[in-house]
N, C-alpha and C. Protein backbone atom coordinates (compact mmCIF):
# COMPACT_ATOMS: atom_id res chain seq x y z
N MET A 1 6.71 -10.04 22.46
CA MET A 1 5.57 -9.18 22.71
C MET A 1 4.31 -10.03 22.55
N LEU A 2 3.53 -10.15 23.59
CA LEU A 2 2.38 -11.04 23.61
C LEU A 2 1.31 -10.63 22.60
N ILE A 3 1.05 -9.36 22.46
CA ILE A 3 0.03 -8.92 21.50
C ILE A 3 0.40 -9.37 20.09
N ASN A 4 1.68 -9.39 19.79
CA ASN A 4 2.17 -9.83 18.50
C ASN A 4 1.79 -11.30 18.27
N LYS A 5 2.03 -12.13 19.26
CA LYS A 5 1.71 -13.56 19.13
C LYS A 5 0.22 -13.78 18.94
N ILE A 6 -0.58 -13.03 19.69
CA ILE A 6 -2.04 -13.19 19.60
C ILE A 6 -2.54 -12.69 18.24
N ALA A 7 -2.05 -11.53 17.80
CA ALA A 7 -2.48 -11.00 16.50
C ALA A 7 -2.13 -11.96 15.36
N LYS A 8 -0.98 -12.61 15.45
CA LYS A 8 -0.59 -13.58 14.42
C LYS A 8 -1.55 -14.75 14.38
N LYS A 9 -2.10 -15.14 15.53
CA LYS A 9 -3.07 -16.24 15.54
C LYS A 9 -4.34 -15.87 14.79
N PHE A 10 -4.58 -14.57 14.64
CA PHE A 10 -5.75 -14.11 13.90
C PHE A 10 -5.39 -13.71 12.47
N GLY A 11 -4.19 -14.12 12.01
CA GLY A 11 -3.81 -13.93 10.62
C GLY A 11 -3.06 -12.65 10.30
N CYS A 12 -2.63 -11.92 11.29
CA CYS A 12 -1.90 -10.68 11.04
C CYS A 12 -0.40 -10.95 11.04
N SER A 13 0.24 -10.76 9.89
CA SER A 13 1.69 -10.93 9.82
C SER A 13 2.21 -10.17 8.61
N PRO A 14 3.05 -9.17 8.80
CA PRO A 14 3.49 -8.67 10.09
C PRO A 14 2.35 -7.94 10.80
N VAL A 15 2.45 -7.85 12.09
CA VAL A 15 1.44 -7.16 12.88
C VAL A 15 1.73 -5.66 12.83
N LYS A 16 0.73 -4.89 12.40
CA LYS A 16 0.89 -3.44 12.29
C LYS A 16 0.21 -2.78 13.49
N VAL A 17 1.02 -2.16 14.34
CA VAL A 17 0.53 -1.53 15.57
C VAL A 17 0.60 -0.02 15.40
N GLY A 18 -0.54 0.63 15.46
CA GLY A 18 -0.62 2.08 15.36
C GLY A 18 -0.80 2.69 16.74
N VAL A 19 0.08 3.61 17.09
CA VAL A 19 0.01 4.28 18.39
C VAL A 19 -0.75 5.59 18.20
N LEU A 20 -1.88 5.71 18.89
CA LEU A 20 -2.77 6.86 18.71
C LEU A 20 -2.34 8.06 19.52
N SER A 21 -2.66 9.22 18.98
CA SER A 21 -2.37 10.49 19.64
C SER A 21 -3.32 11.54 19.09
N ALA A 22 -3.42 12.66 19.77
CA ALA A 22 -4.19 13.79 19.25
C ALA A 22 -3.40 14.50 18.16
N ALA A 23 -2.11 14.29 18.13
CA ALA A 23 -1.24 14.93 17.13
C ALA A 23 -0.69 13.87 16.19
N GLU A 24 -0.71 14.15 14.90
CA GLU A 24 -0.20 13.20 13.91
C GLU A 24 1.30 13.36 13.68
N LEU A 25 1.83 14.47 14.11
CA LEU A 25 3.26 14.73 14.06
C LEU A 25 3.76 14.83 15.49
N VAL A 26 5.03 14.56 15.70
CA VAL A 26 5.58 14.67 17.04
C VAL A 26 5.49 16.12 17.49
N ASN A 27 4.91 16.30 18.66
CA ASN A 27 4.72 17.63 19.23
C ASN A 27 5.15 17.56 20.69
N THR A 28 6.12 18.35 21.07
CA THR A 28 6.66 18.28 22.44
C THR A 28 5.63 18.64 23.49
N LYS A 29 4.53 19.25 23.10
CA LYS A 29 3.47 19.62 24.05
C LYS A 29 2.41 18.52 24.18
N VAL A 30 2.52 17.46 23.36
CA VAL A 30 1.55 16.36 23.39
C VAL A 30 2.30 15.08 23.75
N GLN A 31 2.19 14.67 25.02
CA GLN A 31 2.96 13.54 25.52
C GLN A 31 2.72 12.26 24.72
N SER A 32 1.48 12.02 24.31
CA SER A 32 1.19 10.78 23.57
C SER A 32 1.93 10.76 22.23
N SER A 33 2.19 11.92 21.63
CA SER A 33 2.94 11.93 20.38
C SER A 33 4.41 11.59 20.63
N LEU A 34 4.94 12.04 21.75
CA LEU A 34 6.32 11.70 22.12
C LEU A 34 6.45 10.21 22.40
N ASP A 35 5.48 9.68 23.15
CA ASP A 35 5.50 8.25 23.46
C ASP A 35 5.41 7.41 22.19
N ALA A 36 4.56 7.84 21.25
CA ALA A 36 4.41 7.13 19.99
C ALA A 36 5.72 7.14 19.20
N ALA A 37 6.40 8.28 19.21
CA ALA A 37 7.68 8.38 18.49
C ALA A 37 8.72 7.45 19.09
N VAL A 38 8.76 7.36 20.41
CA VAL A 38 9.71 6.46 21.07
C VAL A 38 9.42 5.01 20.70
N LEU A 39 8.15 4.62 20.75
CA LEU A 39 7.78 3.25 20.39
C LEU A 39 8.10 2.95 18.93
N SER A 40 7.87 3.93 18.06
CA SER A 40 8.20 3.76 16.64
C SER A 40 9.71 3.55 16.46
N LYS A 41 10.50 4.33 17.15
CA LYS A 41 11.97 4.20 17.06
C LYS A 41 12.41 2.84 17.61
N MET A 42 11.80 2.40 18.70
CA MET A 42 12.12 1.08 19.25
C MET A 42 11.81 0.00 18.22
N SER A 43 10.72 0.17 17.49
CA SER A 43 10.36 -0.78 16.44
C SER A 43 11.42 -0.79 15.34
N ASP A 44 11.88 0.40 14.96
CA ASP A 44 12.94 0.50 13.94
C ASP A 44 14.19 -0.27 14.35
N GLN A 45 14.45 -0.29 15.64
CA GLN A 45 15.65 -0.95 16.16
C GLN A 45 15.43 -2.44 16.43
N GLY A 46 14.25 -2.96 16.05
CA GLY A 46 13.99 -4.39 16.19
C GLY A 46 13.55 -4.82 17.57
N TYR A 47 13.21 -3.90 18.43
CA TYR A 47 12.85 -4.21 19.82
C TYR A 47 11.63 -5.14 19.90
N PHE A 48 10.71 -5.03 18.95
CA PHE A 48 9.48 -5.82 18.99
C PHE A 48 9.53 -7.02 18.04
N GLY A 49 10.67 -7.27 17.43
CA GLY A 49 10.81 -8.39 16.51
C GLY A 49 10.62 -7.97 15.07
N ASP A 50 10.95 -8.89 14.18
CA ASP A 50 10.88 -8.60 12.74
C ASP A 50 9.45 -8.62 12.21
N ASP A 51 8.55 -9.29 12.90
CA ASP A 51 7.19 -9.44 12.39
C ASP A 51 6.20 -8.52 13.10
N CYS A 52 6.70 -7.42 13.67
CA CYS A 52 5.83 -6.45 14.33
C CYS A 52 6.31 -5.05 13.96
N ILE A 53 5.42 -4.28 13.37
CA ILE A 53 5.74 -2.91 12.97
C ILE A 53 4.93 -1.96 13.87
N VAL A 54 5.62 -1.16 14.64
CA VAL A 54 4.96 -0.17 15.50
C VAL A 54 5.26 1.20 14.93
N ASP A 55 4.21 2.01 14.74
CA ASP A 55 4.42 3.36 14.21
C ASP A 55 3.42 4.32 14.84
N GLY A 56 3.77 5.57 14.79
CA GLY A 56 2.94 6.62 15.33
C GLY A 56 3.78 7.87 15.51
N PRO A 57 3.18 8.95 15.86
CA PRO A 57 1.78 9.07 16.28
C PRO A 57 0.81 9.05 15.09
N PHE A 58 -0.34 8.49 15.34
CA PHE A 58 -1.43 8.45 14.38
C PHE A 58 -2.66 9.11 15.00
N GLY A 59 -3.44 9.81 14.18
CA GLY A 59 -4.80 10.16 14.55
C GLY A 59 -5.67 8.96 14.25
N LEU A 60 -6.80 8.87 14.89
CA LEU A 60 -7.67 7.71 14.66
C LEU A 60 -8.04 7.58 13.19
N ASP A 61 -8.33 8.70 12.54
CA ASP A 61 -8.75 8.62 11.14
C ASP A 61 -7.68 8.02 10.25
N ASN A 62 -6.42 8.43 10.44
CA ASN A 62 -5.39 7.93 9.51
C ASN A 62 -4.76 6.61 9.93
N VAL A 63 -5.16 6.08 11.06
CA VAL A 63 -4.71 4.73 11.42
C VAL A 63 -5.69 3.68 10.88
N ILE A 64 -6.94 4.10 10.60
CA ILE A 64 -7.93 3.14 10.10
C ILE A 64 -8.39 3.42 8.67
N SER A 65 -8.05 4.57 8.13
CA SER A 65 -8.51 4.92 6.78
C SER A 65 -7.34 5.35 5.91
N GLU A 66 -7.05 4.55 4.88
CA GLU A 66 -6.00 4.92 3.94
C GLU A 66 -6.35 6.22 3.22
N GLU A 67 -7.64 6.41 2.94
CA GLU A 67 -8.08 7.63 2.26
C GLU A 67 -7.81 8.87 3.12
N ALA A 68 -8.11 8.80 4.41
CA ALA A 68 -7.84 9.93 5.30
C ALA A 68 -6.35 10.23 5.36
N ALA A 69 -5.54 9.19 5.42
CA ALA A 69 -4.08 9.38 5.45
C ALA A 69 -3.61 10.02 4.15
N LYS A 70 -4.18 9.61 3.03
CA LYS A 70 -3.79 10.16 1.75
C LYS A 70 -4.15 11.64 1.66
N ILE A 71 -5.36 11.99 2.08
CA ILE A 71 -5.81 13.38 2.05
C ILE A 71 -4.91 14.27 2.91
N LYS A 72 -4.49 13.75 4.06
CA LYS A 72 -3.66 14.52 4.98
C LYS A 72 -2.17 14.41 4.67
N HIS A 73 -1.83 13.66 3.63
CA HIS A 73 -0.43 13.46 3.24
C HIS A 73 0.39 12.82 4.37
N ILE A 74 -0.21 11.86 5.04
CA ILE A 74 0.46 11.13 6.12
C ILE A 74 1.29 10.02 5.48
N LYS A 75 2.56 10.00 5.73
CA LYS A 75 3.46 8.96 5.22
C LYS A 75 4.17 8.35 6.42
N LYS A 76 3.85 7.11 6.69
CA LYS A 76 4.47 6.38 7.79
C LYS A 76 4.82 4.98 7.29
N LYS A 77 5.16 4.10 8.20
CA LYS A 77 5.48 2.71 7.81
C LYS A 77 4.26 2.02 7.22
N PHE A 78 3.08 2.41 7.67
CA PHE A 78 1.81 1.96 7.11
C PHE A 78 0.79 3.06 7.41
N GLU A 79 -0.23 3.13 6.62
CA GLU A 79 -1.29 4.10 6.85
C GLU A 79 -2.63 3.40 6.64
N GLY A 80 -3.57 3.68 7.50
CA GLY A 80 -4.94 3.28 7.27
C GLY A 80 -5.30 1.83 7.47
N ASN A 81 -4.39 1.00 7.90
CA ASN A 81 -4.75 -0.42 8.04
C ASN A 81 -4.05 -1.08 9.22
N ALA A 82 -4.10 -0.46 10.37
CA ALA A 82 -3.49 -1.04 11.57
C ALA A 82 -4.26 -2.28 12.00
N ASP A 83 -3.51 -3.25 12.50
CA ASP A 83 -4.13 -4.44 13.09
C ASP A 83 -4.45 -4.21 14.56
N VAL A 84 -3.62 -3.40 15.20
CA VAL A 84 -3.74 -3.12 16.63
C VAL A 84 -3.61 -1.62 16.82
N MET A 85 -4.44 -1.06 17.70
CA MET A 85 -4.32 0.35 18.06
C MET A 85 -3.97 0.45 19.54
N VAL A 86 -2.98 1.27 19.84
CA VAL A 86 -2.55 1.49 21.22
C VAL A 86 -3.02 2.88 21.64
N CYS A 87 -3.72 2.94 22.76
CA CYS A 87 -4.21 4.21 23.30
C CYS A 87 -3.31 4.66 24.43
N ALA A 88 -3.26 5.96 24.64
CA ALA A 88 -2.37 6.55 25.65
C ALA A 88 -2.80 6.24 27.08
N ASP A 89 -4.09 6.01 27.27
CA ASP A 89 -4.55 5.77 28.65
C ASP A 89 -5.86 4.99 28.63
N ILE A 90 -6.28 4.57 29.79
CA ILE A 90 -7.49 3.74 29.90
C ILE A 90 -8.74 4.49 29.50
N ASP A 91 -8.78 5.79 29.75
CA ASP A 91 -9.96 6.57 29.37
C ASP A 91 -10.15 6.56 27.86
N THR A 92 -9.07 6.86 27.14
CA THR A 92 -9.13 6.87 25.68
C THR A 92 -9.47 5.49 25.13
N GLY A 93 -8.84 4.46 25.68
CA GLY A 93 -9.10 3.11 25.23
C GLY A 93 -10.54 2.69 25.46
N ASN A 94 -11.09 3.05 26.60
CA ASN A 94 -12.47 2.72 26.92
C ASN A 94 -13.43 3.41 25.96
N ILE A 95 -13.19 4.68 25.72
CA ILE A 95 -14.06 5.43 24.81
C ILE A 95 -13.93 4.89 23.38
N LEU A 96 -12.72 4.61 22.94
CA LEU A 96 -12.52 4.07 21.60
C LEU A 96 -13.22 2.72 21.46
N GLY A 97 -13.01 1.85 22.42
CA GLY A 97 -13.61 0.52 22.35
C GLY A 97 -15.12 0.57 22.29
N LYS A 98 -15.73 1.39 23.14
CA LYS A 98 -17.20 1.48 23.14
C LYS A 98 -17.72 2.18 21.90
N SER A 99 -16.96 3.13 21.36
CA SER A 99 -17.36 3.79 20.11
C SER A 99 -17.40 2.78 18.97
N ILE A 100 -16.35 1.96 18.88
CA ILE A 100 -16.31 0.94 17.83
C ILE A 100 -17.48 -0.04 18.00
N LEU A 101 -17.73 -0.42 19.22
CA LEU A 101 -18.78 -1.39 19.51
C LEU A 101 -20.16 -0.84 19.14
N TYR A 102 -20.47 0.37 19.59
CA TYR A 102 -21.82 0.89 19.40
C TYR A 102 -22.02 1.59 18.05
N TYR A 103 -21.07 2.40 17.62
CA TYR A 103 -21.24 3.08 16.33
C TYR A 103 -20.87 2.18 15.17
N GLY A 104 -19.94 1.29 15.38
CA GLY A 104 -19.53 0.38 14.32
C GLY A 104 -20.45 -0.81 14.17
N ASN A 105 -21.32 -1.01 15.16
CA ASN A 105 -22.26 -2.13 15.14
C ASN A 105 -21.55 -3.43 14.78
N THR A 106 -20.50 -3.72 15.56
CA THR A 106 -19.67 -4.88 15.27
C THR A 106 -19.63 -5.83 16.46
N ARG A 107 -19.23 -7.03 16.19
CA ARG A 107 -19.04 -8.01 17.26
C ARG A 107 -17.75 -7.67 17.99
N ALA A 108 -17.71 -8.00 19.25
CA ALA A 108 -16.52 -7.66 20.04
C ALA A 108 -16.34 -8.65 21.17
N GLY A 109 -15.14 -8.67 21.65
CA GLY A 109 -14.81 -9.44 22.84
C GLY A 109 -13.65 -8.73 23.50
N GLY A 110 -13.50 -8.93 24.79
CA GLY A 110 -12.42 -8.24 25.48
C GLY A 110 -11.67 -9.16 26.43
N MET A 111 -10.36 -8.95 26.48
CA MET A 111 -9.55 -9.68 27.44
C MET A 111 -8.30 -8.88 27.74
N ILE A 112 -7.76 -9.11 28.91
CA ILE A 112 -6.51 -8.48 29.31
C ILE A 112 -5.38 -9.39 28.86
N ILE A 113 -4.40 -8.81 28.20
CA ILE A 113 -3.26 -9.56 27.70
C ILE A 113 -2.11 -9.42 28.69
N GLY A 114 -1.45 -10.51 28.98
CA GLY A 114 -0.27 -10.47 29.84
C GLY A 114 -0.48 -11.09 31.20
N ALA A 115 -1.70 -11.46 31.52
CA ALA A 115 -1.97 -12.12 32.80
C ALA A 115 -1.56 -13.58 32.71
N LYS A 116 -1.39 -14.23 33.85
CA LYS A 116 -0.98 -15.64 33.87
C LYS A 116 -2.11 -16.58 33.48
N CYS A 117 -3.33 -16.10 33.57
CA CYS A 117 -4.48 -16.90 33.18
C CYS A 117 -5.46 -15.97 32.46
N PRO A 118 -6.44 -16.50 31.76
CA PRO A 118 -7.37 -15.64 31.03
C PRO A 118 -8.11 -14.68 31.96
N VAL A 119 -8.11 -13.42 31.60
CA VAL A 119 -8.90 -12.41 32.30
C VAL A 119 -9.77 -11.76 31.25
N ILE A 120 -11.05 -12.08 31.32
CA ILE A 120 -11.98 -11.56 30.33
C ILE A 120 -12.47 -10.21 30.81
N LEU A 121 -12.45 -9.25 29.90
CA LEU A 121 -12.78 -7.88 30.23
C LEU A 121 -14.17 -7.57 29.71
N LEU A 122 -15.07 -7.29 30.62
CA LEU A 122 -16.46 -7.05 30.25
C LEU A 122 -16.97 -5.73 30.83
N SER A 123 -18.03 -5.25 30.22
CA SER A 123 -18.78 -4.12 30.75
C SER A 123 -20.09 -4.66 31.29
N ARG A 124 -20.63 -4.01 32.28
CA ARG A 124 -21.92 -4.46 32.82
C ARG A 124 -23.01 -4.45 31.75
N ALA A 125 -22.86 -3.61 30.72
CA ALA A 125 -23.87 -3.50 29.67
C ALA A 125 -23.66 -4.50 28.53
N ASP A 126 -22.61 -5.31 28.60
CA ASP A 126 -22.34 -6.26 27.52
C ASP A 126 -23.45 -7.29 27.37
N THR A 127 -23.72 -7.62 26.13
CA THR A 127 -24.73 -8.62 25.82
C THR A 127 -24.17 -10.02 26.05
N LYS A 128 -25.06 -10.98 25.98
CA LYS A 128 -24.66 -12.38 26.08
C LYS A 128 -23.67 -12.73 24.97
N GLU A 129 -23.90 -12.20 23.76
CA GLU A 129 -23.02 -12.48 22.63
C GLU A 129 -21.61 -11.95 22.87
N ILE A 130 -21.50 -10.75 23.43
CA ILE A 130 -20.19 -10.17 23.72
C ILE A 130 -19.49 -11.00 24.79
N ARG A 131 -20.22 -11.44 25.77
CA ARG A 131 -19.62 -12.26 26.83
C ARG A 131 -19.09 -13.57 26.24
N LEU A 132 -19.86 -14.20 25.37
CA LEU A 132 -19.41 -15.44 24.74
C LEU A 132 -18.23 -15.18 23.80
N ASP A 133 -18.27 -14.07 23.05
CA ASP A 133 -17.16 -13.73 22.16
C ASP A 133 -15.88 -13.48 22.95
N SER A 134 -16.00 -12.93 24.15
CA SER A 134 -14.83 -12.70 24.99
C SER A 134 -14.20 -14.03 25.40
N ILE A 135 -15.02 -15.01 25.73
CA ILE A 135 -14.51 -16.33 26.08
C ILE A 135 -13.86 -16.97 24.85
N LYS A 136 -14.50 -16.85 23.69
CA LYS A 136 -13.94 -17.39 22.44
C LYS A 136 -12.59 -16.73 22.13
N LEU A 137 -12.51 -15.42 22.36
CA LEU A 137 -11.26 -14.69 22.11
C LEU A 137 -10.14 -15.24 22.98
N ALA A 138 -10.41 -15.44 24.25
CA ALA A 138 -9.39 -15.96 25.16
C ALA A 138 -8.97 -17.38 24.74
N LEU A 139 -9.92 -18.18 24.32
CA LEU A 139 -9.60 -19.54 23.87
C LEU A 139 -8.78 -19.52 22.59
N ALA A 140 -9.17 -18.65 21.65
CA ALA A 140 -8.44 -18.55 20.38
C ALA A 140 -7.03 -18.01 20.59
N ALA A 141 -6.86 -17.19 21.62
CA ALA A 141 -5.53 -16.63 21.91
C ALA A 141 -4.62 -17.67 22.55
N GLY A 142 -5.17 -18.80 22.88
CA GLY A 142 -4.33 -19.89 23.40
C GLY A 142 -4.32 -20.03 24.91
N PHE A 143 -5.28 -19.41 25.56
CA PHE A 143 -5.35 -19.56 27.03
C PHE A 143 -6.18 -20.76 27.40
């Protein structure tokens, strides 16, 4: 799994991958919760390797906050400290990424993983710093 290799280059081992959903428990009416459960089961069976833990479904709050997970009595393979978050679709991922960037006031860079050559992912509104960080990210990932 390529994301696993890249996350390890940034010091994550084992890599904790949280699969996001609107439901924190498996709900047959919420497709993203079903998908998260399948990915979690695949992880249990070693599909992603020994150094990658995939779990879900997670709400955003309990994938990034141990306190939120504790309050909600969420017990999973890990709570509150995911290294990687997987979104159900591009709309959710785009909104999450921009929320982190603007509300979190953090540095960011973007790239597509899995291409044969570096593909840097930018928004027209990205600053010069974000553009440079995206290039640095691709270089650090080994492209």
